[in-house]
Amino acid sequence: MVRYTLAAAACALGLVFAAGNPATAGDDEGKRKVNEISFDMVVSAAAKTCLPNATARVKVVSTGTAEDMTIHASGLPANTGFDFVIQVPNAPFGLSWYLGDVQTDDEGEAIQHFRGRFSIETFIVAPGVAPAPFVFNGPFPDATMNPATNPVQTYHLGLWFDSPKDAMAANCPATVTPFNGEHDAGIQVLNTSNFPIDFGPLRCLPDRSSCPVFVGSH
């Protein structure tokens, strides 16, 4: 079974229902447009030859205190798992975190929902060095101490094969990467390199009207 690991953020398909007078409906519609974004993920360089038709559409809806992210992916291998939020869309990726998994069906499609902080406030910080648990000792073993860093904003998304074997079965390179829960994932399949490195799509919430580089909004 193949899983895809999503690194970065998640989105939810949101519907807003307005009842009452037209002014209220208009106000709700305006809020909806400001507090949600939709965008595409594109095929990464590593997968352009083996999965040229892979694509994903992401929608993020903000409630103010959190975001719902829904990803709808297609053009992927059937019954396969993919896994991440990342700092920059391509290598060297910067700081990243494991968001969750996306599992395809028999048609190579997947829909997954995540809830968390997927906005201009999404970041990683380490005020100081501290001991870290040593759990996984594979090709990319756990660090036992973290490096100190000021807040680093993480506005991009990436999708990796959960397993190099799954990648090889799809005629993709069998390169091993650390982008899954046990740090033995396959290659990156999709990312948000259609946005500038310093202006990933999550930076466009809560106010996409201030995001001049936004691509594919509705």
N, C-alpha and C. Protein backbone atom coordinates (compact mmCIF):
# COMPACT_ATOMS: atom_id res chain seq x y z
N MET A 1 0.85 -1.19 0.00
CA MET A 1 0.00 0.00 0.00
C MET A 1 0.88 1.24 0.00
N VAL A 2 0.55 2.19 -0.86
CA VAL A 2 1.35 3.39 -0.97
C VAL A 2 0.65 4.55 -0.31
N ARG A 3 1.34 5.31 0.51
CA ARG A 3 0.80 6.51 1.13
C ARG A 3 1.60 7.70 0.67
N TYR A 4 0.96 8.82 0.57
CA TYR A 4 1.65 10.05 0.25
C TYR A 4 1.66 10.91 1.50
N THR A 5 2.81 11.48 1.81
CA THR A 5 2.92 12.31 3.00
C THR A 5 2.85 13.77 2.61
N LEU A 6 2.00 14.49 3.27
CA LEU A 6 1.83 15.92 2.99
C LEU A 6 2.65 16.71 3.98
N ALA A 7 3.59 17.52 3.47
CA ALA A 7 4.36 18.37 4.32
C ALA A 7 3.94 19.79 4.10
N ALA A 8 3.44 20.39 5.01
CA ALA A 8 3.06 21.78 5.02
C ALA A 8 1.71 21.97 5.55
N ALA A 9 0.68 22.33 4.88
CA ALA A 9 -0.58 22.72 5.47
C ALA A 9 -1.71 21.92 4.92
N ALA A 10 -2.89 22.05 5.52
CA ALA A 10 -4.06 21.34 5.06
C ALA A 10 -5.22 22.27 4.84
N CYS A 11 -6.24 21.85 4.00
CA CYS A 11 -7.32 22.77 3.73
C CYS A 11 -8.66 22.07 3.73
N ALA A 12 -9.73 22.78 3.97
CA ALA A 12 -11.04 22.17 3.99
C ALA A 12 -11.97 22.85 3.02
N LEU A 13 -12.77 22.05 2.32
CA LEU A 13 -13.76 22.60 1.42
C LEU A 13 -14.86 23.22 2.28
N GLY A 14 -15.02 24.53 2.18
CA GLY A 14 -15.97 25.21 3.03
C GLY A 14 -17.11 25.80 2.25
N LEU A 15 -18.32 25.66 2.77
CA LEU A 15 -19.49 26.26 2.17
C LEU A 15 -20.06 27.26 3.16
N VAL A 16 -20.39 28.43 2.66
CA VAL A 16 -20.98 29.45 3.51
C VAL A 16 -22.41 29.66 3.08
N PHE A 17 -23.34 29.53 4.02
CA PHE A 17 -24.74 29.71 3.73
C PHE A 17 -25.20 31.01 4.37
N ALA A 18 -25.79 31.89 3.57
CA ALA A 18 -26.24 33.18 4.08
C ALA A 18 -27.76 33.21 4.08
N ALA A 19 -28.30 33.56 5.22
CA ALA A 19 -29.76 33.68 5.33
C ALA A 19 -30.09 35.06 5.81
N GLY A 20 -31.34 35.48 5.55
CA GLY A 20 -31.74 36.79 6.03
C GLY A 20 -31.73 37.79 4.91
N ASN A 21 -31.48 39.07 5.26
CA ASN A 21 -31.58 40.13 4.26
C ASN A 21 -30.36 40.15 3.35
N PRO A 22 -30.47 40.77 2.17
CA PRO A 22 -29.38 40.79 1.20
C PRO A 22 -28.10 41.41 1.75
N ALA A 23 -28.21 42.38 2.62
CA ALA A 23 -27.01 43.01 3.17
C ALA A 23 -26.21 42.01 3.97
N THR A 24 -26.90 41.20 4.77
CA THR A 24 -26.21 40.17 5.56
C THR A 24 -25.54 39.15 4.66
N ALA A 25 -26.26 38.72 3.63
CA ALA A 25 -25.69 37.76 2.69
C ALA A 25 -24.45 38.32 2.03
N GLY A 26 -24.50 39.60 1.64
CA GLY A 26 -23.34 40.22 1.00
C GLY A 26 -22.16 40.31 1.95
N ASP A 27 -22.43 40.64 3.22
CA ASP A 27 -21.35 40.72 4.20
C ASP A 27 -20.70 39.36 4.40
N ASP A 28 -21.52 38.31 4.48
CA ASP A 28 -20.97 36.97 4.65
C ASP A 28 -20.12 36.55 3.45
N GLU A 29 -20.60 36.91 2.26
CA GLU A 29 -19.85 36.57 1.05
C GLU A 29 -18.52 37.28 1.03
N GLY A 30 -18.49 38.53 1.45
CA GLY A 30 -17.23 39.27 1.49
C GLY A 30 -16.24 38.65 2.45
N LYS A 31 -16.74 38.23 3.62
CA LYS A 31 -15.86 37.59 4.60
C LYS A 31 -15.31 36.28 4.06
N ARG A 32 -16.20 35.53 3.37
CA ARG A 32 -15.76 34.25 2.82
C ARG A 32 -14.61 34.43 1.84
N LYS A 33 -14.71 35.44 0.97
CA LYS A 33 -13.68 35.66 -0.03
C LYS A 33 -12.37 36.07 0.59
N VAL A 34 -12.43 36.83 1.68
CA VAL A 34 -11.21 37.29 2.33
C VAL A 34 -10.56 36.15 3.12
N ASN A 35 -11.38 35.28 3.73
CA ASN A 35 -10.87 34.30 4.68
C ASN A 35 -10.68 32.91 4.10
N GLU A 36 -10.67 32.77 2.79
CA GLU A 36 -10.37 31.48 2.20
C GLU A 36 -9.54 31.65 0.95
N ILE A 37 -8.74 30.65 0.66
CA ILE A 37 -7.94 30.65 -0.56
C ILE A 37 -8.01 29.26 -1.20
N SER A 38 -7.87 29.21 -2.52
CA SER A 38 -7.76 27.96 -3.25
C SER A 38 -6.57 28.07 -4.19
N PHE A 39 -5.80 27.01 -4.32
CA PHE A 39 -4.62 27.06 -5.17
C PHE A 39 -4.25 25.65 -5.61
N ASP A 40 -3.42 25.58 -6.64
CA ASP A 40 -2.95 24.32 -7.19
C ASP A 40 -1.55 23.99 -6.68
N MET A 41 -1.29 22.69 -6.56
CA MET A 41 0.07 22.20 -6.40
C MET A 41 0.52 21.67 -7.76
N VAL A 42 1.81 21.74 -8.03
CA VAL A 42 2.34 21.35 -9.34
C VAL A 42 3.33 20.20 -9.18
N VAL A 43 3.58 19.51 -10.28
CA VAL A 43 4.50 18.36 -10.26
C VAL A 43 5.92 18.84 -9.96
N SER A 44 6.57 18.14 -9.05
CA SER A 44 7.95 18.47 -8.72
C SER A 44 8.90 18.01 -9.82
N ALA A 45 10.10 18.54 -9.80
CA ALA A 45 11.09 18.19 -10.82
C ALA A 45 11.39 16.69 -10.82
N ALA A 46 11.40 16.07 -9.63
CA ALA A 46 11.75 14.65 -9.53
C ALA A 46 10.70 13.74 -10.15
N ALA A 47 9.44 14.22 -10.26
CA ALA A 47 8.36 13.37 -10.73
C ALA A 47 7.83 13.76 -12.11
N LYS A 48 8.43 14.72 -12.76
CA LYS A 48 7.90 15.21 -14.04
C LYS A 48 7.89 14.13 -15.12
N THR A 49 8.86 13.24 -15.09
CA THR A 49 8.93 12.20 -16.12
C THR A 49 8.00 11.03 -15.83
N CYS A 50 7.93 10.62 -14.55
CA CYS A 50 7.16 9.43 -14.20
C CYS A 50 5.70 9.71 -13.87
N LEU A 51 5.37 10.93 -13.41
CA LEU A 51 3.99 11.27 -13.06
C LEU A 51 3.64 12.66 -13.63
N PRO A 52 3.70 12.81 -14.94
CA PRO A 52 3.50 14.14 -15.54
C PRO A 52 2.11 14.71 -15.33
N ASN A 53 1.11 13.86 -15.06
CA ASN A 53 -0.27 14.33 -14.92
C ASN A 53 -0.71 14.50 -13.47
N ALA A 54 0.20 14.34 -12.54
CA ALA A 54 -0.14 14.51 -11.13
C ALA A 54 -0.52 15.97 -10.86
N THR A 55 -1.55 16.15 -10.05
CA THR A 55 -1.99 17.50 -9.71
C THR A 55 -2.75 17.46 -8.39
N ALA A 56 -2.88 18.60 -7.77
CA ALA A 56 -3.68 18.70 -6.55
C ALA A 56 -4.25 20.10 -6.44
N ARG A 57 -5.47 20.17 -5.94
CA ARG A 57 -6.14 21.43 -5.67
C ARG A 57 -6.33 21.52 -4.16
N VAL A 58 -5.95 22.65 -3.60
CA VAL A 58 -6.00 22.84 -2.15
C VAL A 58 -6.92 24.02 -1.84
N LYS A 59 -7.74 23.84 -0.81
CA LYS A 59 -8.58 24.93 -0.33
C LYS A 59 -8.37 25.09 1.17
N VAL A 60 -8.14 26.33 1.60
CA VAL A 60 -7.94 26.63 3.01
C VAL A 60 -8.97 27.66 3.44
N VAL A 61 -9.69 27.34 4.50
CA VAL A 61 -10.70 28.24 5.04
C VAL A 61 -10.31 28.59 6.47
N SER A 62 -10.23 29.88 6.76
CA SER A 62 -9.84 30.34 8.09
C SER A 62 -11.05 30.68 8.94
N THR A 63 -11.03 30.24 10.19
CA THR A 63 -12.06 30.63 11.15
C THR A 63 -11.56 31.74 12.07
N GLY A 64 -10.31 32.14 11.87
CA GLY A 64 -9.71 33.14 12.73
C GLY A 64 -8.81 32.52 13.78
N THR A 65 -9.29 31.46 14.44
CA THR A 65 -8.49 30.79 15.46
C THR A 65 -7.78 29.55 14.92
N ALA A 66 -8.18 29.08 13.74
CA ALA A 66 -7.56 27.92 13.09
C ALA A 66 -7.98 27.91 11.64
N GLU A 67 -7.41 26.98 10.89
CA GLU A 67 -7.78 26.82 9.47
C GLU A 67 -8.16 25.37 9.18
N ASP A 68 -9.08 25.21 8.22
CA ASP A 68 -9.40 23.90 7.67
C ASP A 68 -8.82 23.83 6.27
N MET A 69 -8.06 22.80 6.01
CA MET A 69 -7.44 22.62 4.70
C MET A 69 -7.91 21.30 4.10
N THR A 70 -8.35 21.35 2.84
CA THR A 70 -8.73 20.14 2.10
C THR A 70 -7.89 20.06 0.84
N ILE A 71 -7.32 18.89 0.61
CA ILE A 71 -6.54 18.66 -0.59
C ILE A 71 -7.22 17.58 -1.43
N HIS A 72 -7.37 17.87 -2.73
CA HIS A 72 -7.93 16.92 -3.68
C HIS A 72 -6.86 16.66 -4.73
N ALA A 73 -6.26 15.47 -4.68
CA ALA A 73 -5.17 15.12 -5.58
C ALA A 73 -5.64 14.11 -6.61
N SER A 74 -5.05 14.13 -7.81
CA SER A 74 -5.38 13.17 -8.86
C SER A 74 -4.15 12.95 -9.73
N GLY A 75 -4.25 11.97 -10.62
CA GLY A 75 -3.12 11.66 -11.50
C GLY A 75 -1.99 10.94 -10.80
N LEU A 76 -2.29 10.33 -9.65
CA LEU A 76 -1.28 9.63 -8.85
C LEU A 76 -1.47 8.12 -8.98
N PRO A 77 -0.49 7.32 -8.57
CA PRO A 77 -0.67 5.87 -8.59
C PRO A 77 -1.83 5.46 -7.69
N ALA A 78 -2.54 4.40 -8.07
CA ALA A 78 -3.68 3.92 -7.29
C ALA A 78 -3.23 3.29 -5.98
N ASN A 79 -4.06 3.44 -4.96
CA ASN A 79 -3.86 2.77 -3.67
C ASN A 79 -2.45 2.99 -3.12
N THR A 80 -2.06 4.24 -3.11
CA THR A 80 -0.70 4.59 -2.70
C THR A 80 -0.77 5.69 -1.64
N GLY A 81 0.23 5.73 -0.77
CA GLY A 81 0.24 6.73 0.29
C GLY A 81 1.27 7.81 0.05
N PHE A 82 0.89 9.02 0.37
CA PHE A 82 1.78 10.17 0.23
C PHE A 82 1.74 10.99 1.52
N ASP A 83 2.88 11.62 1.84
CA ASP A 83 2.95 12.34 3.11
C ASP A 83 3.29 13.83 2.89
N PHE A 84 3.31 16.20 3.91
CA PHE A 84 4.02 17.20 4.73
C PHE A 84 3.40 18.56 4.78
N VAL A 85 4.21 20.51 5.93
CA VAL A 85 4.38 21.93 5.59
C VAL A 85 5.88 22.20 5.49
N ILE A 86 6.31 22.91 4.50
CA ILE A 86 7.73 23.14 4.30
C ILE A 86 8.04 24.62 4.13
N GLN A 87 9.31 24.94 4.33
CA GLN A 87 9.75 26.33 4.27
C GLN A 87 9.87 26.82 2.82
N VAL A 88 10.50 26.02 1.97
CA VAL A 88 10.62 26.35 0.55
C VAL A 88 10.22 25.11 -0.25
N PRO A 89 9.65 25.27 -1.46
CA PRO A 89 9.04 24.14 -2.15
C PRO A 89 9.99 23.10 -2.70
N ASN A 90 11.21 23.51 -3.04
CA ASN A 90 12.19 22.59 -3.62
C ASN A 90 13.40 22.45 -2.70
N ALA A 91 14.27 21.50 -3.01
CA ALA A 91 15.49 21.32 -2.22
C ALA A 91 16.24 22.65 -2.11
N PRO A 92 16.75 22.95 -0.90
CA PRO A 92 16.91 22.09 0.27
C PRO A 92 15.72 22.07 1.23
N PHE A 93 14.60 22.65 0.90
CA PHE A 93 13.32 22.58 1.62
C PHE A 93 13.28 23.39 2.92
N GLY A 94 14.40 23.59 3.58
CA GLY A 94 14.38 24.34 4.83
C GLY A 94 13.73 23.53 5.94
N LEU A 95 13.19 24.22 6.94
CA LEU A 95 12.52 23.54 8.04
C LEU A 95 11.17 23.00 7.57
N SER A 96 10.85 21.78 7.97
CA SER A 96 9.63 21.12 7.53
C SER A 96 8.99 20.40 8.70
N TRP A 97 7.70 20.11 8.58
CA TRP A 97 7.04 19.30 9.60
C TRP A 97 6.03 18.36 8.98
N TYR A 98 5.79 17.27 9.68
CA TYR A 98 4.95 16.18 9.18
C TYR A 98 3.50 16.48 9.51
N LEU A 99 2.73 16.81 8.50
CA LEU A 99 1.33 17.17 8.70
C LEU A 99 0.42 15.95 8.73
N GLY A 100 0.59 15.03 7.79
CA GLY A 100 -0.28 13.87 7.73
C GLY A 100 -0.16 13.15 6.41
N ASP A 101 -1.03 12.16 6.20
CA ASP A 101 -0.96 11.31 5.02
C ASP A 101 -2.14 11.54 4.08
N VAL A 102 -1.90 11.30 2.81
CA VAL A 102 -2.93 11.34 1.77
C VAL A 102 -2.92 9.98 1.08
N GLN A 103 -4.04 9.28 1.10
CA GLN A 103 -4.13 7.93 0.54
C GLN A 103 -4.98 7.94 -0.72
N THR A 104 -4.43 7.44 -1.83
CA THR A 104 -5.20 7.42 -3.08
C THR A 104 -6.12 6.20 -3.16
N ASP A 105 -7.16 6.33 -3.99
CA ASP A 105 -8.09 5.22 -4.21
C ASP A 105 -7.70 4.44 -5.46
N ASP A 106 -8.61 3.60 -5.95
CA ASP A 106 -8.33 2.77 -7.11
C ASP A 106 -8.11 3.59 -8.38
N GLU A 107 -8.59 4.83 -8.39
CA GLU A 107 -8.45 5.70 -9.56
C GLU A 107 -7.27 6.65 -9.44
N GLY A 108 -6.48 6.52 -8.38
CA GLY A 108 -5.34 7.42 -8.20
C GLY A 108 -5.74 8.80 -7.72
N GLU A 109 -6.93 8.90 -7.09
CA GLU A 109 -7.38 10.17 -6.54
C GLU A 109 -7.44 10.10 -5.02
N ALA A 110 -7.36 11.26 -4.39
CA ALA A 110 -7.40 11.31 -2.93
C ALA A 110 -7.99 12.63 -2.48
N ILE A 111 -8.78 12.58 -1.42
CA ILE A 111 -9.29 13.78 -0.76
C ILE A 111 -8.98 13.64 0.72
N GLN A 112 -8.35 14.67 1.28
CA GLN A 112 -7.99 14.62 2.70
C GLN A 112 -8.20 15.99 3.33
N HIS A 113 -8.65 15.97 4.57
CA HIS A 113 -8.91 17.20 5.33
C HIS A 113 -7.98 17.27 6.54
N PHE A 114 -7.47 18.47 6.79
CA PHE A 114 -6.63 18.73 7.95
C PHE A 114 -7.14 19.99 8.65
N ARG A 115 -6.95 20.06 9.95
CA ARG A 115 -7.29 21.27 10.70
C ARG A 115 -6.10 21.66 11.54
N GLY A 116 -5.72 22.94 11.46
CA GLY A 116 -4.58 23.43 12.20
C GLY A 116 -4.35 24.89 11.90
N ARG A 117 -3.10 25.30 11.99
CA ARG A 117 -2.74 26.68 11.72
C ARG A 117 -2.06 26.75 10.37
N PHE A 118 -2.79 27.17 9.35
CA PHE A 118 -2.31 27.22 7.98
C PHE A 118 -2.55 28.62 7.43
N SER A 119 -1.77 29.58 7.91
CA SER A 119 -1.99 30.98 7.57
C SER A 119 -0.67 31.73 7.65
N ILE A 120 -0.75 33.05 7.61
CA ILE A 120 0.45 33.87 7.72
C ILE A 120 1.17 33.66 9.05
N GLU A 121 0.49 33.06 10.02
CA GLU A 121 1.08 32.82 11.34
C GLU A 121 1.70 31.44 11.49
N THR A 122 1.76 30.65 10.43
CA THR A 122 2.35 29.31 10.50
C THR A 122 3.87 29.40 10.58
N PHE A 123 4.46 28.85 11.64
CA PHE A 123 5.91 28.98 11.83
C PHE A 123 6.47 27.87 12.70
N ILE A 124 7.80 27.78 12.70
CA ILE A 124 8.56 26.89 13.57
C ILE A 124 9.53 27.74 14.36
N VAL A 125 9.72 27.45 15.65
CA VAL A 125 10.65 28.24 16.46
C VAL A 125 11.34 27.33 17.46
N ALA A 126 12.59 27.63 17.77
CA ALA A 126 13.34 26.93 18.81
C ALA A 126 14.13 27.98 19.58
N PRO A 127 13.57 28.52 20.67
CA PRO A 127 14.25 29.57 21.43
C PRO A 127 15.62 29.17 21.96
N GLY A 128 15.83 27.87 22.14
CA GLY A 128 17.12 27.40 22.61
C GLY A 128 17.33 25.94 22.29
N VAL A 129 18.56 25.46 22.57
CA VAL A 129 18.90 24.06 22.34
C VAL A 129 18.36 23.22 23.50
N ALA A 130 17.79 22.05 23.18
CA ALA A 130 17.24 21.16 24.20
C ALA A 130 17.35 19.72 23.73
N PRO A 131 17.35 18.76 24.67
CA PRO A 131 17.39 17.35 24.28
C PRO A 131 16.15 16.96 23.49
N ALA A 132 16.32 16.09 22.50
CA ALA A 132 15.20 15.60 21.68
C ALA A 132 15.15 14.08 21.75
N PRO A 133 13.95 13.49 21.69
CA PRO A 133 13.84 12.03 21.76
C PRO A 133 14.50 11.36 20.56
N PHE A 134 15.22 10.28 20.82
CA PHE A 134 15.83 9.49 19.75
C PHE A 134 14.97 8.24 19.56
N VAL A 135 14.14 8.24 18.50
CA VAL A 135 13.17 7.17 18.29
C VAL A 135 13.48 6.35 17.04
N PHE A 136 13.74 7.02 15.93
CA PHE A 136 13.96 6.35 14.65
C PHE A 136 15.42 6.46 14.24
N ASN A 137 16.03 5.30 13.92
CA ASN A 137 17.46 5.25 13.60
C ASN A 137 17.65 4.61 12.23
N GLY A 138 16.96 5.16 11.22
CA GLY A 138 17.06 4.64 9.87
C GLY A 138 18.04 5.43 9.03
N PRO A 139 17.74 5.60 7.74
CA PRO A 139 18.66 6.33 6.85
C PRO A 139 18.82 7.80 7.24
N PHE A 140 17.81 8.35 7.94
CA PHE A 140 17.90 9.71 8.45
C PHE A 140 17.57 9.67 9.94
N PRO A 141 18.54 9.30 10.80
CA PRO A 141 18.26 9.12 12.23
C PRO A 141 17.86 10.42 12.91
N ASP A 142 17.07 10.29 13.96
CA ASP A 142 16.64 11.45 14.74
C ASP A 142 17.84 12.18 15.33
N ALA A 143 17.74 13.50 15.35
CA ALA A 143 18.70 14.31 16.09
C ALA A 143 18.41 14.19 17.58
N THR A 144 19.42 14.26 18.39
CA THR A 144 19.23 14.18 19.84
C THR A 144 19.24 15.55 20.50
N MET A 145 19.56 16.58 19.73
CA MET A 145 19.49 17.97 20.21
C MET A 145 18.95 18.82 19.06
N ASN A 146 18.12 19.81 19.36
CA ASN A 146 17.63 20.69 18.30
C ASN A 146 18.52 21.90 18.15
N PRO A 147 18.64 22.44 16.94
CA PRO A 147 19.35 23.71 16.76
C PRO A 147 18.45 24.88 17.16
N ALA A 148 19.02 25.87 17.79
CA ALA A 148 18.25 27.07 18.14
C ALA A 148 17.98 27.90 16.90
N THR A 149 16.79 28.46 16.79
CA THR A 149 16.46 29.33 15.67
C THR A 149 15.36 30.31 16.07
N ASN A 150 15.43 31.50 15.53
CA ASN A 150 14.33 32.43 15.65
C ASN A 150 13.13 31.88 14.88
N PRO A 151 11.94 32.48 15.03
CA PRO A 151 10.79 31.99 14.27
C PRO A 151 11.05 31.94 12.76
N VAL A 152 10.71 30.84 12.14
CA VAL A 152 10.84 30.65 10.70
C VAL A 152 9.45 30.36 10.14
N GLN A 153 8.96 31.20 9.24
CA GLN A 153 7.64 31.02 8.66
C GLN A 153 7.67 29.89 7.62
N THR A 154 6.64 29.04 7.62
CA THR A 154 6.57 27.90 6.70
C THR A 154 5.26 27.99 5.92
N TYR A 155 5.33 28.47 4.68
CA TYR A 155 4.15 28.78 3.89
C TYR A 155 3.95 27.89 2.67
N HIS A 156 4.81 26.90 2.47
CA HIS A 156 4.70 26.03 1.30
C HIS A 156 4.23 24.63 1.68
N LEU A 157 3.74 23.90 0.67
CA LEU A 157 3.32 22.52 0.85
C LEU A 157 4.09 21.60 -0.09
N GLY A 158 4.28 20.37 0.35
CA GLY A 158 4.92 19.36 -0.49
C GLY A 158 4.27 18.01 -0.26
N LEU A 159 4.30 17.15 -1.25
CA LEU A 159 3.73 15.81 -1.17
C LEU A 159 4.80 14.81 -1.62
N TRP A 160 5.10 13.86 -0.74
CA TRP A 160 6.13 12.85 -0.99
C TRP A 160 5.53 11.45 -1.03
N PHE A 161 6.15 10.55 -1.83
CA PHE A 161 5.83 9.14 -1.70
C PHE A 161 6.16 8.70 -0.27
N ASP A 162 5.27 7.93 0.34
CA ASP A 162 5.56 7.42 1.68
C ASP A 162 6.66 6.37 1.66
N SER A 163 6.89 5.76 0.50
CA SER A 163 7.88 4.68 0.41
C SER A 163 8.64 4.75 -0.91
N PRO A 164 9.97 4.57 -0.89
CA PRO A 164 10.73 4.49 -2.14
C PRO A 164 10.28 3.32 -3.02
N LYS A 165 9.80 2.23 -2.39
CA LYS A 165 9.31 1.09 -3.17
C LYS A 165 8.09 1.47 -3.98
N ASP A 166 7.21 2.26 -3.38
CA ASP A 166 6.03 2.72 -4.11
C ASP A 166 6.42 3.63 -5.28
N ALA A 167 7.43 4.46 -5.04
CA ALA A 167 7.92 5.33 -6.11
C ALA A 167 8.48 4.50 -7.26
N MET A 168 9.26 3.49 -6.92
CA MET A 168 9.87 2.63 -7.94
C MET A 168 8.79 1.88 -8.72
N ALA A 169 7.71 1.46 -8.05
CA ALA A 169 6.62 0.77 -8.72
C ALA A 169 5.91 1.67 -9.72
N ALA A 170 6.00 2.99 -9.50
CA ALA A 170 5.40 3.96 -10.42
C ALA A 170 6.42 4.45 -11.45
N ASN A 171 7.55 3.72 -11.57
CA ASN A 171 8.62 4.06 -12.51
C ASN A 171 9.27 5.40 -12.18
N CYS A 172 9.23 5.77 -10.88
CA CYS A 172 9.91 6.98 -10.41
C CYS A 172 11.22 6.59 -9.74
N PRO A 173 12.13 7.54 -9.53
CA PRO A 173 13.38 7.23 -8.83
C PRO A 173 13.10 6.69 -7.43
N ALA A 174 13.92 5.77 -6.97
CA ALA A 174 13.76 5.14 -5.66
C ALA A 174 14.59 5.84 -4.59
N THR A 175 14.80 7.12 -4.73
CA THR A 175 15.58 7.90 -3.77
C THR A 175 14.89 7.90 -2.41
N VAL A 176 15.67 7.74 -1.34
CA VAL A 176 15.15 7.77 0.03
C VAL A 176 15.26 9.19 0.59
N THR A 177 14.17 9.68 1.19
CA THR A 177 14.14 11.01 1.78
C THR A 177 13.56 10.92 3.20
N PRO A 178 13.72 11.95 4.03
CA PRO A 178 13.24 11.87 5.42
C PRO A 178 11.80 12.31 5.63
N PHE A 179 11.02 12.51 4.56
CA PHE A 179 9.72 13.17 4.69
C PHE A 179 8.55 12.24 4.96
N ASN A 180 8.67 11.38 5.97
CA ASN A 180 7.52 10.67 6.51
C ASN A 180 7.78 10.39 7.98
N GLY A 181 6.83 9.72 8.64
CA GLY A 181 6.92 9.56 10.08
C GLY A 181 8.14 8.80 10.56
N GLU A 182 8.64 7.88 9.74
CA GLU A 182 9.81 7.09 10.13
C GLU A 182 11.07 7.51 9.37
N HIS A 183 10.96 8.59 8.60
CA HIS A 183 12.10 9.21 7.91
C HIS A 183 12.72 8.30 6.85
N ASP A 184 11.85 7.56 6.13
CA ASP A 184 12.32 6.71 5.04
C ASP A 184 11.36 6.80 3.85
N ALA A 185 10.99 8.03 3.50
CA ALA A 185 10.04 8.28 2.42
C ALA A 185 10.70 8.20 1.05
N GLY A 186 9.86 8.38 0.02
CA GLY A 186 10.36 8.42 -1.35
C GLY A 186 10.52 9.86 -1.82
N ILE A 187 10.45 10.04 -3.15
CA ILE A 187 10.69 11.37 -3.73
C ILE A 187 9.47 12.28 -3.56
N GLN A 188 9.70 13.57 -3.72
CA GLN A 188 8.61 14.53 -3.74
C GLN A 188 7.86 14.43 -5.07
N VAL A 189 6.53 14.48 -5.00
CA VAL A 189 5.69 14.38 -6.20
C VAL A 189 5.07 15.72 -6.57
N LEU A 190 4.54 16.43 -5.58
CA LEU A 190 3.89 17.71 -5.81
C LEU A 190 4.42 18.76 -4.84
N ASN A 191 4.39 20.02 -5.27
CA ASN A 191 4.78 21.10 -4.37
C ASN A 191 4.10 22.40 -4.81
N THR A 192 4.41 23.48 -4.11
CA THR A 192 3.83 24.79 -4.43
C THR A 192 4.90 25.74 -5.00
N SER A 193 5.74 25.20 -5.88
CA SER A 193 6.77 26.02 -6.52
C SER A 193 6.18 26.99 -7.54
N ASN A 194 4.86 26.93 -7.76
CA ASN A 194 4.19 27.94 -8.59
C ASN A 194 4.02 29.25 -7.84
N PHE A 195 4.46 29.29 -6.59
CA PHE A 195 4.52 30.52 -5.79
C PHE A 195 5.98 30.86 -5.51
N PRO A 196 6.30 32.14 -5.30
CA PRO A 196 7.68 32.52 -4.97
C PRO A 196 8.16 31.86 -3.69
N ILE A 197 9.46 31.65 -3.59
CA ILE A 197 10.05 30.98 -2.43
C ILE A 197 9.65 31.67 -1.13
N ASP A 198 9.69 33.01 -1.11
CA ASP A 198 9.40 33.74 0.12
C ASP A 198 7.93 34.15 0.24
N PHE A 199 7.06 33.62 -0.65
CA PHE A 199 5.66 34.02 -0.61
C PHE A 199 4.78 32.81 -0.94
N GLY A 200 4.93 31.75 -0.11
CA GLY A 200 4.11 30.57 -0.31
C GLY A 200 2.64 30.87 -0.10
N PRO A 201 1.74 30.00 -0.57
CA PRO A 201 0.31 30.31 -0.56
C PRO A 201 -0.28 30.53 0.83
N LEU A 202 0.26 29.88 1.86
CA LEU A 202 -0.32 30.06 3.19
C LEU A 202 -0.12 31.48 3.72
N ARG A 203 0.81 32.19 3.14
CA ARG A 203 1.04 33.58 3.55
C ARG A 203 -0.15 34.46 3.16
N CYS A 204 -1.02 33.98 2.31
CA CYS A 204 -2.12 34.78 1.78
C CYS A 204 -3.37 34.76 2.66
N LEU A 205 -3.32 34.08 3.79
CA LEU A 205 -4.41 34.14 4.76
C LEU A 205 -3.94 34.90 6.00
N PRO A 206 -4.81 35.73 6.60
CA PRO A 206 -6.26 35.77 6.41
C PRO A 206 -6.75 36.72 5.32
N ASP A 207 -5.86 37.46 4.68
CA ASP A 207 -6.34 38.47 3.73
C ASP A 207 -5.65 38.29 2.39
N ARG A 208 -6.28 37.52 1.50
CA ARG A 208 -5.66 37.26 0.21
C ARG A 208 -5.62 38.52 -0.66
N SER A 209 -6.44 39.53 -0.32
CA SER A 209 -6.42 40.76 -1.11
C SER A 209 -5.09 41.50 -1.02
N SER A 210 -4.31 41.17 0.02
CA SER A 210 -2.99 41.78 0.17
C SER A 210 -1.89 40.91 -0.40
N CYS A 211 -2.27 39.89 -1.17
CA CYS A 211 -1.32 38.91 -1.69
C CYS A 211 -1.24 39.04 -3.21
N PRO A 212 -0.41 39.94 -3.73
CA PRO A 212 -0.39 40.21 -5.17
C PRO A 212 0.10 39.05 -6.01
N VAL A 213 0.78 38.08 -5.38
CA VAL A 213 1.35 36.97 -6.15
C VAL A 213 0.44 35.76 -6.17
N PHE A 214 -0.77 35.88 -5.62
CA PHE A 214 -1.61 34.71 -5.49
C PHE A 214 -1.99 34.17 -6.86
N VAL A 215 -1.95 32.82 -6.96
CA VAL A 215 -2.23 32.13 -8.20
C VAL A 215 -3.47 31.27 -8.04
N GLY A 216 -4.39 31.34 -9.00
CA GLY A 216 -5.50 30.41 -9.05
C GLY A 216 -6.56 30.60 -8.01
N SER A 217 -6.76 31.80 -7.49
CA SER A 217 -7.80 32.00 -6.48
C SER A 217 -9.17 32.08 -7.13
N HIS A 218 -10.19 31.77 -6.32
CA HIS A 218 -11.58 31.84 -6.78
C HIS A 218 -12.39 32.64 -5.77
